[in-house]
Amino acid sequence: MKQALTLLFVVAAGFIWGELVLGYQTVYQIGYGALMLMGLMISGTFLWLWAERATPLALGMSFSWAGAAGVMGWWWTFNVLGEPSVMIDSELLFLLLSLYIVGAILHFAVIARSMALPNYAQALPVVVAALVATLIQAVF
């Protein structure tokens, strides 16, 4: 935990220093671009681990990181390209969100199995999340 907190401090300080030198938008774009690329690398690593049968959670991690990288990459590209209108209401974003959600579903499946819960239990967090998001959207 000490190492993680030290890294958090160093990275946050780097962003603040970067903002002072390069400005908020530039540092924001560099940060999102780097995170998207790291997400793809992490996803590939987990996909390799899954192929090597190193852990059952690896496939869920691969999908999750690929989805996260895809969604971040979408908005990063959107901003870098000056918010092109073709990306505003594009259904292609749903493909990336689907990848992300499948990763979450695979995670819940592993969690349910490890806790010896019935199969339907893995769907409960997904359904609850969708219902809460729908309610928030309806209210606001």
N, C-alpha and C. Protein backbone atom coordinates (compact mmCIF):
# COMPACT_ATOMS: atom_id res chain seq x y z
N MET A 1 0.82 -1.19 0.00
CA MET A 1 0.00 0.00 0.00
C MET A 1 0.87 1.26 0.00
N LYS A 2 1.99 1.21 0.71
CA LYS A 2 2.88 2.36 0.76
C LYS A 2 3.40 2.70 -0.64
N GLN A 3 3.79 1.67 -1.39
CA GLN A 3 4.29 1.89 -2.75
C GLN A 3 3.18 2.47 -3.64
N ALA A 4 1.96 1.93 -3.51
CA ALA A 4 0.84 2.43 -4.33
C ALA A 4 0.54 3.89 -4.01
N LEU A 5 0.54 4.26 -2.75
CA LEU A 5 0.27 5.65 -2.38
C LEU A 5 1.39 6.58 -2.84
N THR A 6 2.62 6.10 -2.77
CA THR A 6 3.74 6.90 -3.28
C THR A 6 3.60 7.12 -4.78
N LEU A 7 3.27 6.05 -5.51
CA LEU A 7 3.05 6.17 -6.96
C LEU A 7 1.91 7.13 -7.27
N LEU A 8 0.83 7.04 -6.50
CA LEU A 8 -0.30 7.94 -6.70
C LEU A 8 0.13 9.39 -6.53
N PHE A 9 0.91 9.67 -5.50
CA PHE A 9 1.41 11.02 -5.26
C PHE A 9 2.30 11.49 -6.41
N VAL A 10 3.21 10.64 -6.85
CA VAL A 10 4.14 11.00 -7.94
C VAL A 10 3.38 11.27 -9.24
N VAL A 11 2.43 10.38 -9.57
CA VAL A 11 1.66 10.56 -10.82
C VAL A 11 0.81 11.82 -10.75
N ALA A 12 0.12 12.04 -9.62
CA ALA A 12 -0.71 13.25 -9.47
C ALA A 12 0.16 14.50 -9.56
N ALA A 13 1.33 14.47 -8.93
CA ALA A 13 2.24 15.62 -9.01
C ALA A 13 2.70 15.84 -10.44
N GLY A 14 2.94 14.76 -11.17
CA GLY A 14 3.32 14.87 -12.57
C GLY A 14 2.23 15.53 -13.41
N PHE A 15 0.98 15.16 -13.14
CA PHE A 15 -0.13 15.80 -13.87
C PHE A 15 -0.22 17.29 -13.53
N ILE A 16 -0.08 17.62 -12.26
CA ILE A 16 -0.16 19.03 -11.86
C ILE A 16 1.00 19.83 -12.47
N TRP A 17 2.20 19.28 -12.42
CA TRP A 17 3.35 19.94 -13.04
C TRP A 17 3.12 20.09 -14.55
N GLY A 18 2.63 19.02 -15.18
CA GLY A 18 2.35 19.06 -16.61
C GLY A 18 1.34 20.13 -16.96
N GLU A 19 0.32 20.28 -16.12
CA GLU A 19 -0.68 21.32 -16.38
C GLU A 19 -0.06 22.71 -16.32
N LEU A 20 0.81 22.93 -15.35
CA LEU A 20 1.47 24.24 -15.23
C LEU A 20 2.33 24.55 -16.44
N VAL A 21 2.97 23.51 -17.00
CA VAL A 21 3.89 23.71 -18.12
C VAL A 21 3.17 23.70 -19.46
N LEU A 22 2.26 22.72 -19.65
CA LEU A 22 1.65 22.52 -20.96
C LEU A 22 0.19 22.95 -21.06
N GLY A 23 -0.46 23.15 -19.94
CA GLY A 23 -1.87 23.49 -19.94
C GLY A 23 -2.75 22.26 -19.73
N TYR A 24 -3.95 22.53 -19.23
CA TYR A 24 -4.86 21.45 -18.85
C TYR A 24 -5.23 20.54 -20.02
N GLN A 25 -5.66 21.11 -21.14
CA GLN A 25 -6.12 20.30 -22.28
C GLN A 25 -5.03 19.38 -22.81
N THR A 26 -3.82 19.88 -22.91
CA THR A 26 -2.72 19.06 -23.43
C THR A 26 -2.43 17.89 -22.50
N VAL A 27 -2.34 18.17 -21.21
CA VAL A 27 -2.04 17.11 -20.24
C VAL A 27 -3.20 16.12 -20.17
N TYR A 28 -4.42 16.62 -20.24
CA TYR A 28 -5.61 15.76 -20.26
C TYR A 28 -5.55 14.79 -21.45
N GLN A 29 -5.25 15.32 -22.62
CA GLN A 29 -5.18 14.49 -23.83
C GLN A 29 -4.05 13.48 -23.76
N ILE A 30 -2.89 13.89 -23.28
CA ILE A 30 -1.75 12.97 -23.14
C ILE A 30 -2.10 11.88 -22.13
N GLY A 31 -2.70 12.26 -21.02
CA GLY A 31 -3.07 11.29 -19.99
C GLY A 31 -4.05 10.25 -20.51
N TYR A 32 -5.11 10.71 -21.17
CA TYR A 32 -6.10 9.78 -21.71
C TYR A 32 -5.52 8.91 -22.82
N GLY A 33 -4.70 9.50 -23.67
CA GLY A 33 -4.08 8.71 -24.73
C GLY A 33 -3.16 7.64 -24.18
N ALA A 34 -2.34 8.00 -23.19
CA ALA A 34 -1.44 7.02 -22.58
C ALA A 34 -2.22 5.94 -21.86
N LEU A 35 -3.27 6.32 -21.13
CA LEU A 35 -4.07 5.34 -20.41
C LEU A 35 -4.78 4.39 -21.37
N MET A 36 -5.27 4.90 -22.47
CA MET A 36 -5.91 4.05 -23.48
C MET A 36 -4.92 3.03 -24.02
N LEU A 37 -3.71 3.47 -24.34
CA LEU A 37 -2.70 2.56 -24.87
C LEU A 37 -2.26 1.54 -23.82
N MET A 38 -2.10 1.97 -22.58
CA MET A 38 -1.77 1.02 -21.52
C MET A 38 -2.90 0.02 -21.31
N GLY A 39 -4.14 0.48 -21.41
CA GLY A 39 -5.28 -0.42 -21.29
C GLY A 39 -5.27 -1.50 -22.35
N LEU A 40 -4.92 -1.14 -23.57
CA LEU A 40 -4.83 -2.14 -24.63
C LEU A 40 -3.72 -3.15 -24.35
N MET A 41 -2.59 -2.65 -23.83
CA MET A 41 -1.49 -3.56 -23.49
C MET A 41 -1.88 -4.50 -22.35
N ILE A 42 -2.56 -3.97 -21.35
CA ILE A 42 -3.01 -4.80 -20.23
C ILE A 42 -4.02 -5.82 -20.71
N SER A 43 -4.94 -5.40 -21.56
CA SER A 43 -5.93 -6.32 -22.11
C SER A 43 -5.26 -7.46 -22.87
N GLY A 44 -4.28 -7.12 -23.67
CA GLY A 44 -3.55 -8.15 -24.42
C GLY A 44 -2.83 -9.12 -23.49
N THR A 45 -2.27 -8.60 -22.42
CA THR A 45 -1.59 -9.46 -21.44
C THR A 45 -2.58 -10.43 -20.80
N PHE A 46 -3.75 -9.93 -20.42
CA PHE A 46 -4.76 -10.81 -19.81
C PHE A 46 -5.29 -11.82 -20.83
N LEU A 47 -5.41 -11.41 -22.08
CA LEU A 47 -5.84 -12.36 -23.10
C LEU A 47 -4.82 -13.48 -23.25
N TRP A 48 -3.54 -13.13 -23.21
CA TRP A 48 -2.49 -14.14 -23.26
C TRP A 48 -2.56 -15.06 -22.04
N LEU A 49 -2.77 -14.47 -20.85
CA LEU A 49 -2.90 -15.29 -19.64
C LEU A 49 -4.08 -16.25 -19.75
N TRP A 50 -5.18 -15.76 -20.30
CA TRP A 50 -6.35 -16.63 -20.48
C TRP A 50 -6.00 -17.78 -21.43
N ALA A 51 -5.32 -17.46 -22.53
CA ALA A 51 -4.94 -18.49 -23.50
C ALA A 51 -4.00 -19.51 -22.87
N GLU A 52 -3.18 -19.08 -21.92
CA GLU A 52 -2.26 -19.98 -21.22
C GLU A 52 -2.95 -20.68 -20.04
N ARG A 53 -4.22 -20.37 -19.85
CA ARG A 53 -5.03 -20.94 -18.76
C ARG A 53 -4.43 -20.64 -17.38
N ALA A 54 -3.91 -19.43 -17.24
CA ALA A 54 -3.28 -19.05 -15.98
C ALA A 54 -4.31 -18.73 -14.90
N THR A 55 -5.45 -18.20 -15.29
CA THR A 55 -6.48 -17.84 -14.32
C THR A 55 -7.83 -17.70 -15.03
N PRO A 56 -8.91 -18.14 -14.38
CA PRO A 56 -10.23 -18.01 -15.02
C PRO A 56 -10.70 -16.56 -15.11
N LEU A 57 -10.16 -15.71 -14.27
CA LEU A 57 -10.55 -14.31 -14.28
C LEU A 57 -9.92 -13.53 -15.43
N ALA A 58 -8.91 -14.11 -16.07
CA ALA A 58 -8.14 -13.40 -17.09
C ALA A 58 -8.99 -12.95 -18.27
N LEU A 59 -9.94 -13.78 -18.70
CA LEU A 59 -10.77 -13.39 -19.85
C LEU A 59 -11.63 -12.17 -19.49
N GLY A 60 -12.20 -12.18 -18.30
CA GLY A 60 -12.97 -11.01 -17.85
C GLY A 60 -12.11 -9.77 -17.76
N MET A 61 -10.89 -9.93 -17.28
CA MET A 61 -9.98 -8.79 -17.20
C MET A 61 -9.63 -8.29 -18.59
N SER A 62 -9.42 -9.21 -19.52
CA SER A 62 -9.09 -8.82 -20.89
C SER A 62 -10.23 -8.02 -21.51
N PHE A 63 -11.46 -8.53 -21.37
CA PHE A 63 -12.61 -7.80 -21.91
C PHE A 63 -12.79 -6.46 -21.22
N SER A 64 -12.64 -6.43 -19.91
CA SER A 64 -12.82 -5.18 -19.17
C SER A 64 -11.81 -4.12 -19.60
N TRP A 65 -10.54 -4.51 -19.64
CA TRP A 65 -9.52 -3.54 -20.04
C TRP A 65 -9.67 -3.12 -21.50
N ALA A 66 -10.05 -4.06 -22.36
CA ALA A 66 -10.27 -3.70 -23.77
C ALA A 66 -11.44 -2.72 -23.89
N GLY A 67 -12.50 -2.99 -23.14
CA GLY A 67 -13.65 -2.08 -23.16
C GLY A 67 -13.30 -0.71 -22.60
N ALA A 68 -12.57 -0.70 -21.48
CA ALA A 68 -12.17 0.57 -20.88
C ALA A 68 -11.27 1.36 -21.85
N ALA A 69 -10.31 0.65 -22.44
CA ALA A 69 -9.41 1.31 -23.39
C ALA A 69 -10.19 1.81 -24.61
N GLY A 70 -11.15 1.02 -25.06
CA GLY A 70 -11.95 1.43 -26.21
C GLY A 70 -12.78 2.67 -25.94
N VAL A 71 -13.44 2.71 -24.79
CA VAL A 71 -14.27 3.87 -24.44
C VAL A 71 -13.39 5.10 -24.23
N MET A 72 -12.28 4.91 -23.50
CA MET A 72 -11.36 6.05 -23.31
C MET A 72 -10.79 6.50 -24.64
N GLY A 73 -10.43 5.53 -25.48
CA GLY A 73 -9.89 5.86 -26.80
C GLY A 73 -10.90 6.59 -27.67
N TRP A 74 -12.17 6.21 -27.54
CA TRP A 74 -13.23 6.87 -28.31
C TRP A 74 -13.26 8.36 -27.95
N TRP A 75 -13.34 8.66 -26.64
CA TRP A 75 -13.46 10.06 -26.23
C TRP A 75 -12.15 10.80 -26.42
N TRP A 76 -11.02 10.11 -26.30
CA TRP A 76 -9.73 10.74 -26.58
C TRP A 76 -9.68 11.16 -28.04
N THR A 77 -10.02 10.23 -28.93
CA THR A 77 -10.03 10.52 -30.37
C THR A 77 -11.03 11.62 -30.69
N PHE A 78 -12.18 11.56 -30.07
CA PHE A 78 -13.22 12.58 -30.25
C PHE A 78 -12.66 13.97 -29.95
N ASN A 79 -11.93 14.10 -28.85
CA ASN A 79 -11.36 15.40 -28.48
C ASN A 79 -10.18 15.78 -29.36
N VAL A 80 -9.31 14.82 -29.66
CA VAL A 80 -8.13 15.12 -30.49
C VAL A 80 -8.55 15.58 -31.88
N LEU A 81 -9.62 14.97 -32.42
CA LEU A 81 -10.08 15.32 -33.77
C LEU A 81 -11.01 16.53 -33.79
N GLY A 82 -11.19 17.19 -32.65
CA GLY A 82 -12.02 18.39 -32.62
C GLY A 82 -13.51 18.12 -32.60
N GLU A 83 -13.92 17.04 -31.93
CA GLU A 83 -15.32 16.67 -31.75
C GLU A 83 -16.08 16.52 -33.08
N PRO A 84 -15.63 15.60 -33.93
CA PRO A 84 -16.31 15.42 -35.21
C PRO A 84 -17.76 14.95 -35.03
N SER A 85 -18.65 15.50 -35.83
CA SER A 85 -20.07 15.20 -35.68
C SER A 85 -20.38 13.72 -35.91
N VAL A 86 -19.59 13.03 -36.73
CA VAL A 86 -19.83 11.63 -37.02
C VAL A 86 -19.67 10.77 -35.76
N MET A 87 -18.94 11.26 -34.76
CA MET A 87 -18.72 10.49 -33.54
C MET A 87 -19.72 10.82 -32.44
N ILE A 88 -20.54 11.85 -32.62
CA ILE A 88 -21.42 12.29 -31.54
C ILE A 88 -22.50 11.25 -31.21
N ASP A 89 -23.18 10.75 -32.19
CA ASP A 89 -24.26 9.77 -31.97
C ASP A 89 -23.97 8.48 -32.72
N SER A 90 -22.75 8.00 -32.66
CA SER A 90 -22.37 6.81 -33.40
C SER A 90 -22.64 5.54 -32.60
N GLU A 91 -23.27 4.58 -33.28
CA GLU A 91 -23.55 3.29 -32.65
C GLU A 91 -22.28 2.48 -32.42
N LEU A 92 -21.18 2.85 -33.03
CA LEU A 92 -19.92 2.14 -32.81
C LEU A 92 -19.49 2.21 -31.35
N LEU A 93 -19.85 3.29 -30.67
CA LEU A 93 -19.52 3.40 -29.25
C LEU A 93 -20.21 2.29 -28.46
N PHE A 94 -21.40 1.86 -28.90
CA PHE A 94 -22.11 0.78 -28.21
C PHE A 94 -21.33 -0.52 -28.25
N LEU A 95 -20.59 -0.75 -29.33
CA LEU A 95 -19.75 -1.95 -29.41
C LEU A 95 -18.68 -1.93 -28.32
N LEU A 96 -18.06 -0.77 -28.12
CA LEU A 96 -17.04 -0.64 -27.09
C LEU A 96 -17.64 -0.76 -25.70
N LEU A 97 -18.80 -0.15 -25.50
CA LEU A 97 -19.49 -0.30 -24.21
C LEU A 97 -19.88 -1.76 -23.97
N SER A 98 -20.28 -2.46 -25.02
CA SER A 98 -20.64 -3.87 -24.89
C SER A 98 -19.44 -4.70 -24.45
N LEU A 99 -18.29 -4.41 -25.01
CA LEU A 99 -17.07 -5.11 -24.63
C LEU A 99 -16.79 -4.90 -23.15
N TYR A 100 -16.95 -3.70 -22.69
CA TYR A 100 -16.74 -3.34 -21.30
C TYR A 100 -17.74 -4.08 -20.39
N ILE A 101 -19.00 -4.08 -20.78
CA ILE A 101 -20.04 -4.73 -19.98
C ILE A 101 -19.85 -6.23 -19.94
N VAL A 102 -19.46 -6.84 -21.05
CA VAL A 102 -19.18 -8.28 -21.06
C VAL A 102 -18.06 -8.59 -20.08
N GLY A 103 -17.05 -7.75 -20.02
CA GLY A 103 -15.97 -7.94 -19.04
C GLY A 103 -16.52 -7.94 -17.62
N ALA A 104 -17.43 -7.01 -17.34
CA ALA A 104 -18.05 -6.96 -16.00
C ALA A 104 -18.86 -8.22 -15.73
N ILE A 105 -19.62 -8.67 -16.72
CA ILE A 105 -20.42 -9.88 -16.56
C ILE A 105 -19.52 -11.09 -16.27
N LEU A 106 -18.42 -11.20 -17.00
CA LEU A 106 -17.48 -12.29 -16.76
C LEU A 106 -16.88 -12.21 -15.36
N HIS A 107 -16.62 -11.01 -14.89
CA HIS A 107 -16.13 -10.84 -13.52
C HIS A 107 -17.16 -11.35 -12.52
N PHE A 108 -18.40 -10.94 -12.69
CA PHE A 108 -19.44 -11.36 -11.76
C PHE A 108 -19.65 -12.87 -11.80
N ALA A 109 -19.46 -13.47 -12.96
CA ALA A 109 -19.59 -14.93 -13.07
C ALA A 109 -18.50 -15.62 -12.24
N VAL A 110 -17.27 -15.12 -12.33
CA VAL A 110 -16.17 -15.71 -11.54
C VAL A 110 -16.42 -15.50 -10.05
N ILE A 111 -16.88 -14.32 -9.69
CA ILE A 111 -17.16 -14.03 -8.28
C ILE A 111 -18.26 -14.97 -7.76
N ALA A 112 -19.33 -15.13 -8.54
CA ALA A 112 -20.44 -16.00 -8.13
C ALA A 112 -19.96 -17.44 -7.96
N ARG A 113 -19.14 -17.91 -8.90
CA ARG A 113 -18.61 -19.28 -8.80
C ARG A 113 -17.72 -19.43 -7.57
N SER A 114 -16.88 -18.44 -7.31
CA SER A 114 -15.96 -18.56 -6.18
C SER A 114 -16.69 -18.51 -4.84
N MET A 115 -17.88 -17.92 -4.84
CA MET A 115 -18.69 -17.86 -3.62
C MET A 115 -19.74 -18.96 -3.59
N ALA A 116 -19.70 -19.86 -4.56
CA ALA A 116 -20.65 -20.98 -4.66
C ALA A 116 -22.10 -20.49 -4.71
N LEU A 117 -22.32 -19.38 -5.39
CA LEU A 117 -23.67 -18.83 -5.55
C LEU A 117 -24.34 -19.47 -6.77
N PRO A 118 -25.66 -19.47 -6.81
CA PRO A 118 -26.34 -20.00 -8.00
C PRO A 118 -26.05 -19.14 -9.23
N ASN A 119 -26.21 -19.74 -10.41
CA ASN A 119 -25.87 -19.04 -11.66
C ASN A 119 -26.59 -17.71 -11.82
N TYR A 120 -27.85 -17.64 -11.40
CA TYR A 120 -28.60 -16.39 -11.59
C TYR A 120 -28.01 -15.25 -10.76
N ALA A 121 -27.25 -15.56 -9.72
CA ALA A 121 -26.68 -14.51 -8.86
C ALA A 121 -25.71 -13.62 -9.62
N GLN A 122 -25.06 -14.15 -10.65
CA GLN A 122 -24.11 -13.34 -11.41
C GLN A 122 -24.82 -12.25 -12.20
N ALA A 123 -26.09 -12.45 -12.50
CA ALA A 123 -26.84 -11.44 -13.26
C ALA A 123 -27.35 -10.32 -12.37
N LEU A 124 -27.47 -10.57 -11.08
CA LEU A 124 -28.05 -9.59 -10.17
C LEU A 124 -27.34 -8.23 -10.19
N PRO A 125 -26.00 -8.17 -10.06
CA PRO A 125 -25.35 -6.85 -10.09
C PRO A 125 -25.53 -6.14 -11.44
N VAL A 126 -25.57 -6.91 -12.51
CA VAL A 126 -25.74 -6.32 -13.85
C VAL A 126 -27.13 -5.71 -13.97
N VAL A 127 -28.13 -6.44 -13.55
CA VAL A 127 -29.52 -5.96 -13.62
C VAL A 127 -29.70 -4.74 -12.71
N VAL A 128 -29.16 -4.81 -11.49
CA VAL A 128 -29.28 -3.68 -10.56
C VAL A 128 -28.60 -2.44 -11.13
N ALA A 129 -27.40 -2.61 -11.68
CA ALA A 129 -26.69 -1.46 -12.26
C ALA A 129 -27.48 -0.85 -13.41
N ALA A 130 -28.05 -1.69 -14.28
CA ALA A 130 -28.83 -1.18 -15.41
C ALA A 130 -30.09 -0.45 -14.92
N LEU A 131 -30.74 -1.01 -13.91
CA LEU A 131 -31.95 -0.36 -13.38
C LEU A 131 -31.62 0.97 -12.71
N VAL A 132 -30.56 1.02 -11.93
CA VAL A 132 -30.17 2.28 -11.26
C VAL A 132 -29.78 3.32 -12.31
N ALA A 133 -29.01 2.94 -13.32
CA ALA A 133 -28.63 3.88 -14.37
C ALA A 133 -29.86 4.39 -15.12
N THR A 134 -30.81 3.49 -15.38
CA THR A 134 -32.05 3.88 -16.05
C THR A 134 -32.85 4.85 -15.20
N LEU A 135 -32.94 4.58 -13.90
CA LEU A 135 -33.66 5.47 -12.99
C LEU A 135 -33.01 6.85 -12.94
N ILE A 136 -31.70 6.88 -12.83
CA ILE A 136 -30.98 8.17 -12.79
C ILE A 136 -31.22 8.93 -14.09
N GLN A 137 -31.16 8.23 -15.22
CA GLN A 137 -31.39 8.88 -16.51
C GLN A 137 -32.81 9.44 -16.59
N ALA A 138 -33.78 8.69 -16.05
CA ALA A 138 -35.18 9.12 -16.10
C ALA A 138 -35.42 10.34 -15.20
N VAL A 139 -34.74 10.39 -14.08
CA VAL A 139 -34.94 11.49 -13.13
C VAL A 139 -34.23 12.76 -13.58
N PHE A 140 -33.04 12.60 -14.13
CA PHE A 140 -32.26 13.78 -14.50
C PHE A 140 -32.23 13.96 -16.00
